[in-house]
Amino acid sequence: MPRRDVPAPVIEGVIFLLFAALLVPAGVVGWVIGDSGKSTTAAPVVSTTATAAVSPSVASGAHIFVQFACAQCHGPQGRGGVSPYVPALTNAAKTLQPSELRTIINHGLGESANPTKPYMPVWGEVISKTQVADLVAFIRAGLPRVADTQPVSVPRGQGAAVAGAALYVRYGCINCHGPNGLGGVPNPLSADKSIPPLSGQAFRGEFNTDAKIAAVIRSGSVIGKAPIVSMPHWGGILSSAQIAELIAYLKTLK
């Protein structure tokens, strides 16, 4: 047969295809060998928020830390930065014994007439011994990140009352004043033996203006020692806009 010259581009294409056919199996084999041999080559890292594998007690403490608004004063994972008058808890495990932590949680810490300086309220009449123990376990474990412990988000652009409803949960108001402000949490040394509701005629009669409600949110109420439960100072934590949103929500209650 007569010789027919093959164009150079075609030859180059064939060589490329043959090279690729050889390279792909080699790559697959290399991957299998490398994987079975636990190669030190780093695998691609997917960026995620790391969470710790912790005991049920520590996990419970992490959820309580958010539920009772500890994170809103002491910062996420207790890192501080919210108020200069509220300490970080990152070194608490090294500086405080478990018994000291339980005492502070149960009996509060600090009494101040200045509403811009938040103080640790009395929690002993609000949360159980088991919850206190779990909080202590969480702090002693170094306040690790635990899945699904983010504070409730505050919707924006949906009205002040909607934002206020979320703030009511996010800042732990619901734990003392109850869902929908219905009250019912015991307060042994108060006149009616319970934390007052934030709805109903009695509340509206005493706090009949926005200014009166804002004042008690900022400055707190009865400041005493356990077993009395007192309204903490929120003036150094909540902004004026947040307080206005809380008031807007309270005004929607029955």
C-alpha atoms as a PDB file:
ATOM      1  CA  MET A   1       0.000   0.000   0.000  1.00  0.00           C
ATOM      2  CA  PRO A   2       1.264   3.490  -0.641  1.00  0.00           C
ATOM      3  CA  ARG A   3       2.519   5.342   2.442  1.00  0.00           C
ATOM      4  CA  ARG A   4       0.202   8.077   3.635  1.00  0.00           C
ATOM      5  CA  ASP A   5       1.583  10.764   5.925  1.00  0.00           C
ATOM      6  CA  VAL A   6      -0.476  11.418   9.067  1.00  0.00           C
ATOM      7  CA  PRO A   7      -0.768  15.102   9.979  1.00  0.00           C
ATOM      8  CA  ALA A   8       1.260  16.106  13.042  1.00  0.00           C
ATOM      9  CA  PRO A   9      -1.779  17.395  15.048  1.00  0.00           C
ATOM     10  CA  VAL A  10      -3.444  13.982  14.723  1.00  0.00           C
ATOM     11  CA  ILE A  11      -0.317  12.202  15.949  1.00  0.00           C
ATOM     12  CA  GLU A  12      -0.091  14.566  18.916  1.00  0.00           C
ATOM     13  CA  GLY A  13      -3.761  13.936  19.744  1.00  0.00           C
ATOM     14  CA  VAL A  14      -3.300  10.163  19.704  1.00  0.00           C
ATOM     15  CA  ILE A  15      -0.217  10.413  21.928  1.00  0.00           C
ATOM     16  CA  PHE A  16      -2.155  12.582  24.382  1.00  0.00           C
ATOM     17  CA  LEU A  17      -5.054  10.106  24.548  1.00  0.00           C
ATOM     18  CA  LEU A  18      -2.680   7.178  25.108  1.00  0.00           C
ATOM     19  CA  PHE A  19      -0.864   9.105  27.827  1.00  0.00           C
ATOM     20  CA  ALA A  20      -4.162   9.979  29.535  1.00  0.00           C
ATOM     21  CA  ALA A  21      -5.336   6.367  29.351  1.00  0.00           C
ATOM     22  CA  LEU A  22      -2.167   5.264  31.105  1.00  0.00           C
ATOM     23  CA  LEU A  23      -2.176   8.097  33.615  1.00  0.00           C
ATOM     24  CA  VAL A  24      -5.730   7.672  34.928  1.00  0.00           C
ATOM     25  CA  PRO A  25      -5.332   4.043  36.095  1.00  0.00           C
ATOM     26  CA  ALA A  26      -1.974   4.933  37.588  1.00  0.00           C
ATOM     27  CA  GLY A  27      -3.605   7.773  39.473  1.00  0.00           C
ATOM     28  CA  VAL A  28      -6.369   5.506  40.747  1.00  0.00           C
ATOM     29  CA  VAL A  29      -3.866   2.876  41.868  1.00  0.00           C
ATOM     30  CA  GLY A  30      -1.757   5.555  43.501  1.00  0.00           C
ATOM     31  CA  TRP A  31      -4.812   6.863  45.369  1.00  0.00           C
ATOM     32  CA  VAL A  32      -5.733   3.392  46.601  1.00  0.00           C
ATOM     33  CA  ILE A  33      -2.176   2.684  47.730  1.00  0.00           C
ATOM     34  CA  GLY A  34      -1.878   6.080  49.343  1.00  0.00           C
ATOM     35  CA  ASP A  35      -5.230   5.724  51.116  1.00  0.00           C
ATOM     36  CA  SER A  36      -4.545   2.214  52.386  1.00  0.00           C
ATOM     37  CA  GLY A  37      -1.117   3.301  53.514  1.00  0.00           C
ATOM     38  CA  LYS A  38      -2.518   6.354  55.281  1.00  0.00           C
ATOM     39  CA  SER A  39      -0.534   8.860  53.279  1.00  0.00           C
ATOM     40  CA  THR A  40       0.498  12.010  55.105  1.00  0.00           C
ATOM     41  CA  THR A  41      -0.770  14.137  52.219  1.00  0.00           C
ATOM     42  CA  ALA A  42      -3.457  16.431  53.659  1.00  0.00           C
ATOM     43  CA  ALA A  43      -6.965  15.900  52.354  1.00  0.00           C
ATOM     44  CA  PRO A  44      -9.113  18.884  51.414  1.00  0.00           C
ATOM     45  CA  VAL A  45     -10.580  20.445  54.557  1.00  0.00           C
ATOM     46  CA  VAL A  46     -14.220  21.481  54.639  1.00  0.00           C
ATOM     47  CA  SER A  47     -14.639  24.602  56.743  1.00  0.00           C
ATOM     48  CA  THR A  48     -17.065  23.889  59.580  1.00  0.00           C
ATOM     49  CA  THR A  49     -17.554  25.094  63.123  1.00  0.00           C
ATOM     50  CA  ALA A  50     -15.802  22.574  65.331  1.00  0.00           C
ATOM     51  CA  THR A  51     -17.860  21.010  68.078  1.00  0.00           C
ATOM     52  CA  ALA A  52     -16.631  18.840  70.871  1.00  0.00           C
ATOM     53  CA  ALA A  53     -17.556  15.296  71.778  1.00  0.00           C
ATOM     54  CA  VAL A  54     -18.522  15.801  75.401  1.00  0.00           C
ATOM     55  CA  SER A  55     -20.349  14.040  78.204  1.00  0.00           C
ATOM     56  CA  PRO A  56     -24.128  14.470  78.533  1.00  0.00           C
ATOM     57  CA  SER A  57     -23.587  16.621  81.630  1.00  0.00           C
ATOM     58  CA  VAL A  58     -21.240  19.008  79.807  1.00  0.00           C
ATOM     59  CA  ALA A  59     -23.587  19.121  76.798  1.00  0.00           C
ATOM     60  CA  SER A  60     -26.506  19.924  79.101  1.00  0.00           C
ATOM     61  CA  GLY A  61     -24.456  22.680  80.726  1.00  0.00           C
ATOM     62  CA  ALA A  62     -23.717  24.187  77.313  1.00  0.00           C
ATOM     63  CA  HIS A  63     -27.424  24.362  76.513  1.00  0.00           C
ATOM     64  CA  ILE A  64     -28.254  25.811  79.943  1.00  0.00           C
ATOM     65  CA  PHE A  65     -25.496  28.401  79.451  1.00  0.00           C
ATOM     66  CA  VAL A  66     -27.408  29.681  76.426  1.00  0.00           C
ATOM     67  CA  GLN A  67     -30.935  29.096  77.738  1.00  0.00           C
ATOM     68  CA  PHE A  68     -30.369  31.175  80.865  1.00  0.00           C
ATOM     69  CA  ALA A  69     -28.551  33.943  78.972  1.00  0.00           C
ATOM     70  CA  CYS A  70     -25.166  33.328  80.586  1.00  0.00           C
ATOM     71  CA  ALA A  71     -23.732  33.699  77.084  1.00  0.00           C
ATOM     72  CA  GLN A  72     -25.405  37.100  76.684  1.00  0.00           C
ATOM     73  CA  CYS A  73     -23.414  38.501  79.624  1.00  0.00           C
ATOM     74  CA  HIS A  74     -20.241  36.376  79.724  1.00  0.00           C
ATOM     75  CA  GLY A  75     -19.956  36.038  75.944  1.00  0.00           C
ATOM     76  CA  PRO A  76     -20.076  32.959  73.677  1.00  0.00           C
ATOM     77  CA  GLN A  77     -18.094  30.124  75.278  1.00  0.00           C
ATOM     78  CA  GLY A  78     -17.597  32.493  78.208  1.00  0.00           C
ATOM     79  CA  ARG A  79     -15.001  34.551  76.335  1.00  0.00           C
ATOM     80  CA  GLY A  80     -16.287  37.852  77.733  1.00  0.00           C
ATOM     81  CA  GLY A  81     -16.273  41.080  75.760  1.00  0.00           C
ATOM     82  CA  VAL A  82     -19.904  42.010  76.433  1.00  0.00           C
ATOM     83  CA  SER A  83     -19.380  44.358  79.384  1.00  0.00           C
ATOM     84  CA  PRO A  84     -16.234  45.440  81.249  1.00  0.00           C
ATOM     85  CA  TYR A  85     -18.090  44.623  84.467  1.00  0.00           C
ATOM     86  CA  VAL A  86     -18.843  41.002  83.510  1.00  0.00           C
ATOM     87  CA  PRO A  87     -15.775  38.751  83.610  1.00  0.00           C
ATOM     88  CA  ALA A  88     -14.845  36.112  81.075  1.00  0.00           C
ATOM     89  CA  LEU A  89     -15.113  32.545  82.332  1.00  0.00           C
ATOM     90  CA  THR A  90     -12.273  31.047  80.323  1.00  0.00           C
ATOM     91  CA  ASN A  91     -10.020  30.815  83.389  1.00  0.00           C
ATOM     92  CA  ALA A  92     -12.759  30.009  85.896  1.00  0.00           C
ATOM     93  CA  ALA A  93     -11.882  26.301  85.939  1.00  0.00           C
ATOM     94  CA  LYS A  94      -8.353  27.173  87.067  1.00  0.00           C
ATOM     95  CA  THR A  95      -9.220  29.883  89.586  1.00  0.00           C
ATOM     96  CA  LEU A  96     -12.477  28.620  91.140  1.00  0.00           C
ATOM     97  CA  GLN A  97     -13.325  25.317  92.777  1.00  0.00           C
ATOM     98  CA  PRO A  98     -16.622  23.572  91.885  1.00  0.00           C
ATOM     99  CA  SER A  99     -18.068  24.537  95.269  1.00  0.00           C
ATOM    100  CA  GLU A 100     -17.231  28.195  94.615  1.00  0.00           C
ATOM    101  CA  LEU A 101     -18.856  28.095  91.194  1.00  0.00           C
ATOM    102  CA  ARG A 102     -22.008  26.546  92.671  1.00  0.00           C
ATOM    103  CA  THR A 103     -22.154  29.241  95.353  1.00  0.00           C
ATOM    104  CA  ILE A 104     -21.855  32.052  92.818  1.00  0.00           C
ATOM    105  CA  ILE A 105     -24.539  30.562  90.567  1.00  0.00           C
ATOM    106  CA  ASN A 106     -26.923  29.885  93.457  1.00  0.00           C
ATOM    107  CA  HIS A 107     -26.400  33.091  95.436  1.00  0.00           C
ATOM    108  CA  GLY A 108     -25.339  35.630  92.855  1.00  0.00           C
ATOM    109  CA  LEU A 109     -22.371  37.951  93.065  1.00  0.00           C
ATOM    110  CA  GLY A 110     -22.170  41.682  93.597  1.00  0.00           C
ATOM    111  CA  GLU A 111     -24.771  44.271  94.490  1.00  0.00           C
ATOM    112  CA  SER A 112     -24.774  47.614  92.806  1.00  0.00           C
ATOM    113  CA  ALA A 113     -27.004  50.663  92.606  1.00  0.00           C
ATOM    114  CA  ASN A 114     -25.484  51.588  89.237  1.00  0.00           C
ATOM    115  CA  PRO A 115     -27.615  50.122  86.431  1.00  0.00           C
ATOM    116  CA  THR A 116     -24.723  50.353  83.965  1.00  0.00           C
ATOM    117  CA  LYS A 117     -22.798  47.754  85.996  1.00  0.00           C
ATOM    118  CA  PRO A 118     -24.447  44.339  85.579  1.00  0.00           C
ATOM    119  CA  TYR A 119     -24.278  41.923  88.492  1.00  0.00           C
ATOM    120  CA  MET A 120     -24.691  38.171  88.784  1.00  0.00           C
ATOM    121  CA  PRO A 121     -28.288  37.483  89.826  1.00  0.00           C
ATOM    122  CA  VAL A 122     -29.496  34.752  92.188  1.00  0.00           C
ATOM    123  CA  TRP A 123     -30.245  31.566  90.240  1.00  0.00           C
ATOM    124  CA  GLY A 124     -30.659  29.091  93.089  1.00  0.00           C
ATOM    125  CA  GLU A 125     -34.437  29.470  93.197  1.00  0.00           C
ATOM    126  CA  VAL A 126     -34.822  29.302  89.423  1.00  0.00           C
ATOM    127  CA  ILE A 127     -32.660  26.405  88.239  1.00  0.00           C
ATOM    128  CA  SER A 128     -32.292  22.945  89.758  1.00  0.00           C
ATOM    129  CA  LYS A 129     -29.293  21.382  91.497  1.00  0.00           C
ATOM    130  CA  THR A 130     -28.792  19.146  88.476  1.00  0.00           C
ATOM    131  CA  GLN A 131     -28.726  22.160  86.152  1.00  0.00           C
ATOM    132  CA  VAL A 132     -26.242  23.932  88.409  1.00  0.00           C
ATOM    133  CA  ALA A 133     -24.039  20.811  88.427  1.00  0.00           C
ATOM    134  CA  ASP A 134     -24.202  20.647  84.615  1.00  0.00           C
ATOM    135  CA  LEU A 135     -23.264  24.330  84.320  1.00  0.00           C
ATOM    136  CA  VAL A 136     -20.289  23.747  86.593  1.00  0.00           C
ATOM    137  CA  ALA A 137     -19.279  20.701  84.520  1.00  0.00           C
ATOM    138  CA  PHE A 138     -19.447  22.792  81.334  1.00  0.00           C
ATOM    139  CA  ILE A 139     -17.308  25.555  82.846  1.00  0.00           C
ATOM    140  CA  ARG A 140     -14.828  23.069  84.306  1.00  0.00           C
ATOM    141  CA  ALA A 141     -14.529  21.390  80.889  1.00  0.00           C
ATOM    142  CA  GLY A 142     -13.335  24.685  79.415  1.00  0.00           C
ATOM    143  CA  LEU A 143     -16.681  25.811  77.918  1.00  0.00           C
ATOM    144  CA  PRO A 144     -16.271  23.766  74.706  1.00  0.00           C
ATOM    145  CA  ARG A 145     -18.315  24.318  71.581  1.00  0.00           C
ATOM    146  CA  VAL A 146     -21.313  21.999  71.573  1.00  0.00           C
ATOM    147  CA  ALA A 147     -23.601  21.497  68.591  1.00  0.00           C
ATOM    148  CA  ASP A 148     -26.970  23.261  68.475  1.00  0.00           C
ATOM    149  CA  THR A 149     -26.289  25.698  71.312  1.00  0.00           C
ATOM    150  CA  GLN A 150     -26.640  28.944  69.402  1.00  0.00           C
ATOM    151  CA  PRO A 151     -28.866  31.602  70.995  1.00  0.00           C
ATOM    152  CA  VAL A 152     -32.161  32.233  69.209  1.00  0.00           C
ATOM    153  CA  SER A 153     -31.708  34.658  66.332  1.00  0.00           C
ATOM    154  CA  VAL A 154     -33.442  38.032  66.336  1.00  0.00           C
ATOM    155  CA  PRO A 155     -35.455  38.684  63.151  1.00  0.00           C
ATOM    156  CA  ARG A 156     -34.906  42.019  61.467  1.00  0.00           C
ATOM    157  CA  GLY A 157     -37.273  43.976  59.275  1.00  0.00           C
ATOM    158  CA  GLN A 158     -40.339  42.253  60.757  1.00  0.00           C
ATOM    159  CA  GLY A 159     -41.316  44.833  63.348  1.00  0.00           C
ATOM    160  CA  ALA A 160     -40.211  45.743  66.857  1.00  0.00           C
ATOM    161  CA  ALA A 161     -42.579  43.310  68.580  1.00  0.00           C
ATOM    162  CA  VAL A 162     -41.238  40.330  66.614  1.00  0.00           C
ATOM    163  CA  ALA A 163     -37.660  41.278  67.489  1.00  0.00           C
ATOM    164  CA  GLY A 164     -38.697  41.812  71.106  1.00  0.00           C
ATOM    165  CA  ALA A 165     -40.260  38.338  71.294  1.00  0.00           C
ATOM    166  CA  ALA A 166     -36.938  36.820  70.230  1.00  0.00           C
ATOM    167  CA  LEU A 167     -35.005  39.006  72.686  1.00  0.00           C
ATOM    168  CA  TYR A 168     -37.358  37.845  75.448  1.00  0.00           C
ATOM    169  CA  VAL A 169     -36.090  34.302  74.868  1.00  0.00           C
ATOM    170  CA  ARG A 170     -32.495  35.156  73.917  1.00  0.00           C
ATOM    171  CA  TYR A 171     -31.892  37.124  77.129  1.00  0.00           C
ATOM    172  CA  GLY A 172     -33.606  34.625  79.396  1.00  0.00           C
ATOM    173  CA  CYS A 173     -36.606  36.750  80.407  1.00  0.00           C
ATOM    174  CA  ILE A 174     -38.792  33.743  79.675  1.00  0.00           C
ATOM    175  CA  ASN A 175     -37.056  31.697  82.390  1.00  0.00           C
ATOM    176  CA  CYS A 176     -38.297  33.956  85.195  1.00  0.00           C
ATOM    177  CA  HIS A 177     -41.357  35.702  83.812  1.00  0.00           C
ATOM    178  CA  GLY A 178     -42.679  32.688  81.926  1.00  0.00           C
ATOM    179  CA  PRO A 179     -43.934  32.182  78.379  1.00  0.00           C
ATOM    180  CA  ASN A 180     -45.999  35.145  77.223  1.00  0.00           C
ATOM    181  CA  GLY A 181     -45.089  36.921  80.472  1.00  0.00           C
ATOM    182  CA  LEU A 182     -47.440  34.728  82.502  1.00  0.00           C
ATOM    183  CA  GLY A 183     -45.077  34.478  85.502  1.00  0.00           C
ATOM    184  CA  GLY A 184     -45.335  31.753  88.111  1.00  0.00           C
ATOM    185  CA  VAL A 185     -41.663  31.219  89.003  1.00  0.00           C
ATOM    186  CA  PRO A 186     -41.210  31.036  92.824  1.00  0.00           C
ATOM    187  CA  ASN A 187     -39.583  33.933  94.672  1.00  0.00           C
ATOM    188  CA  PRO A 188     -39.761  32.993  98.386  1.00  0.00           C
ATOM    189  CA  LEU A 189     -39.030  36.391  99.955  1.00  0.00           C
ATOM    190  CA  SER A 190     -41.271  38.468  97.711  1.00  0.00           C
ATOM    191  CA  ALA A 191     -44.702  39.639  98.808  1.00  0.00           C
ATOM    192  CA  ASP A 192     -46.629  37.196  96.653  1.00  0.00           C
ATOM    193  CA  LYS A 193     -43.929  34.463  96.758  1.00  0.00           C
ATOM    194  CA  SER A 194     -43.413  34.494  92.993  1.00  0.00           C
ATOM    195  CA  ILE A 195     -41.758  36.505  90.249  1.00  0.00           C
ATOM    196  CA  PRO A 196     -44.381  38.904  88.876  1.00  0.00           C
ATOM    197  CA  PRO A 197     -45.974  38.335  85.483  1.00  0.00           C
ATOM    198  CA  LEU A 198     -45.446  40.841  82.695  1.00  0.00           C
ATOM    199  CA  SER A 199     -49.046  40.743  81.528  1.00  0.00           C
ATOM    200  CA  GLY A 200     -52.419  41.417  83.069  1.00  0.00           C
ATOM    201  CA  GLN A 201     -54.023  44.400  84.764  1.00  0.00           C
ATOM    202  CA  ALA A 202     -51.691  44.528  87.772  1.00  0.00           C
ATOM    203  CA  PHE A 203     -48.604  44.860  85.584  1.00  0.00           C
ATOM    204  CA  ARG A 204     -50.221  47.372  83.252  1.00  0.00           C
ATOM    205  CA  GLY A 205     -51.437  49.421  86.190  1.00  0.00           C
ATOM    206  CA  GLU A 206     -47.994  49.690  87.787  1.00  0.00           C
ATOM    207  CA  PHE A 207     -46.040  50.061  84.555  1.00  0.00           C
ATOM    208  CA  ASN A 208     -48.404  52.192  82.540  1.00  0.00           C
ATOM    209  CA  THR A 209     -45.778  53.958  80.435  1.00  0.00           C
ATOM    210  CA  ASP A 210     -42.887  52.827  78.260  1.00  0.00           C
ATOM    211  CA  ALA A 211     -40.524  54.901  80.387  1.00  0.00           C
ATOM    212  CA  LYS A 212     -41.434  52.984  83.552  1.00  0.00           C
ATOM    213  CA  ILE A 213     -40.880  49.622  81.862  1.00  0.00           C
ATOM    214  CA  ALA A 214     -37.565  50.773  80.386  1.00  0.00           C
ATOM    215  CA  ALA A 215     -36.408  52.011  83.794  1.00  0.00           C
ATOM    216  CA  VAL A 216     -36.966  48.673  85.537  1.00  0.00           C
ATOM    217  CA  ILE A 217     -35.274  46.784  82.691  1.00  0.00           C
ATOM    218  CA  ARG A 218     -32.221  49.020  82.941  1.00  0.00           C
ATOM    219  CA  SER A 219     -31.923  49.190  86.733  1.00  0.00           C
ATOM    220  CA  GLY A 220     -33.435  45.896  87.886  1.00  0.00           C
ATOM    221  CA  SER A 221     -35.734  45.551  90.861  1.00  0.00           C
ATOM    222  CA  VAL A 222     -35.114  44.052  94.306  1.00  0.00           C
ATOM    223  CA  ILE A 223     -31.414  43.528  94.829  1.00  0.00           C
ATOM    224  CA  GLY A 224     -30.743  41.131  97.647  1.00  0.00           C
ATOM    225  CA  LYS A 225     -29.171  37.850  98.604  1.00  0.00           C
ATOM    226  CA  ALA A 226     -30.469  34.316  98.173  1.00  0.00           C
ATOM    227  CA  PRO A 227     -33.066  33.006  98.395  1.00  0.00           C
ATOM    228  CA  ILE A 228     -34.653  36.133  96.933  1.00  0.00           C
ATOM    229  CA  VAL A 229     -34.671  36.305  93.137  1.00  0.00           C
ATOM    230  CA  SER A 230     -33.983  39.786  91.826  1.00  0.00           C
ATOM    231  CA  MET A 231     -34.240  41.435  88.444  1.00  0.00           C
ATOM    232  CA  PRO A 232     -30.688  41.951  87.165  1.00  0.00           C
ATOM    233  CA  HIS A 233     -29.391  45.182  85.677  1.00  0.00           C
ATOM    234  CA  TRP A 234     -29.735  45.083  81.918  1.00  0.00           C
ATOM    235  CA  GLY A 235     -28.680  48.689  81.398  1.00  0.00           C
ATOM    236  CA  GLY A 236     -25.083  47.716  80.676  1.00  0.00           C
ATOM    237  CA  ILE A 237     -26.030  44.815  78.402  1.00  0.00           C
ATOM    238  CA  LEU A 238     -29.090  45.797  76.357  1.00  0.00           C
ATOM    239  CA  SER A 239     -29.113  48.786  74.025  1.00  0.00           C
ATOM    240  CA  SER A 240     -31.894  51.371  74.052  1.00  0.00           C
ATOM    241  CA  ALA A 241     -33.151  49.931  70.749  1.00  0.00           C
ATOM    242  CA  GLN A 242     -33.328  46.415  72.220  1.00  0.00           C
ATOM    243  CA  ILE A 243     -35.179  47.672  75.288  1.00  0.00           C
ATOM    244  CA  ALA A 244     -37.685  49.435  73.024  1.00  0.00           C
ATOM    245  CA  GLU A 245     -38.200  46.165  71.118  1.00  0.00           C
ATOM    246  CA  LEU A 246     -38.784  44.270  74.355  1.00  0.00           C
ATOM    247  CA  ILE A 247     -41.356  46.861  75.412  1.00  0.00           C
ATOM    248  CA  ALA A 248     -43.091  46.560  72.032  1.00  0.00           C
ATOM    249  CA  TYR A 249     -43.398  42.811  72.603  1.00  0.00           C
ATOM    250  CA  LEU A 250     -44.661  43.182  76.178  1.00  0.00           C
ATOM    251  CA  LYS A 251     -47.366  45.528  74.976  1.00  0.00           C
ATOM    252  CA  THR A 252     -48.738  42.760  72.743  1.00  0.00           C
ATOM    253  CA  LEU A 253     -49.297  40.374  75.661  1.00  0.00           C
ATOM    254  CA  LYS A 254     -52.721  39.642  77.109  1.00  0.00           C
END
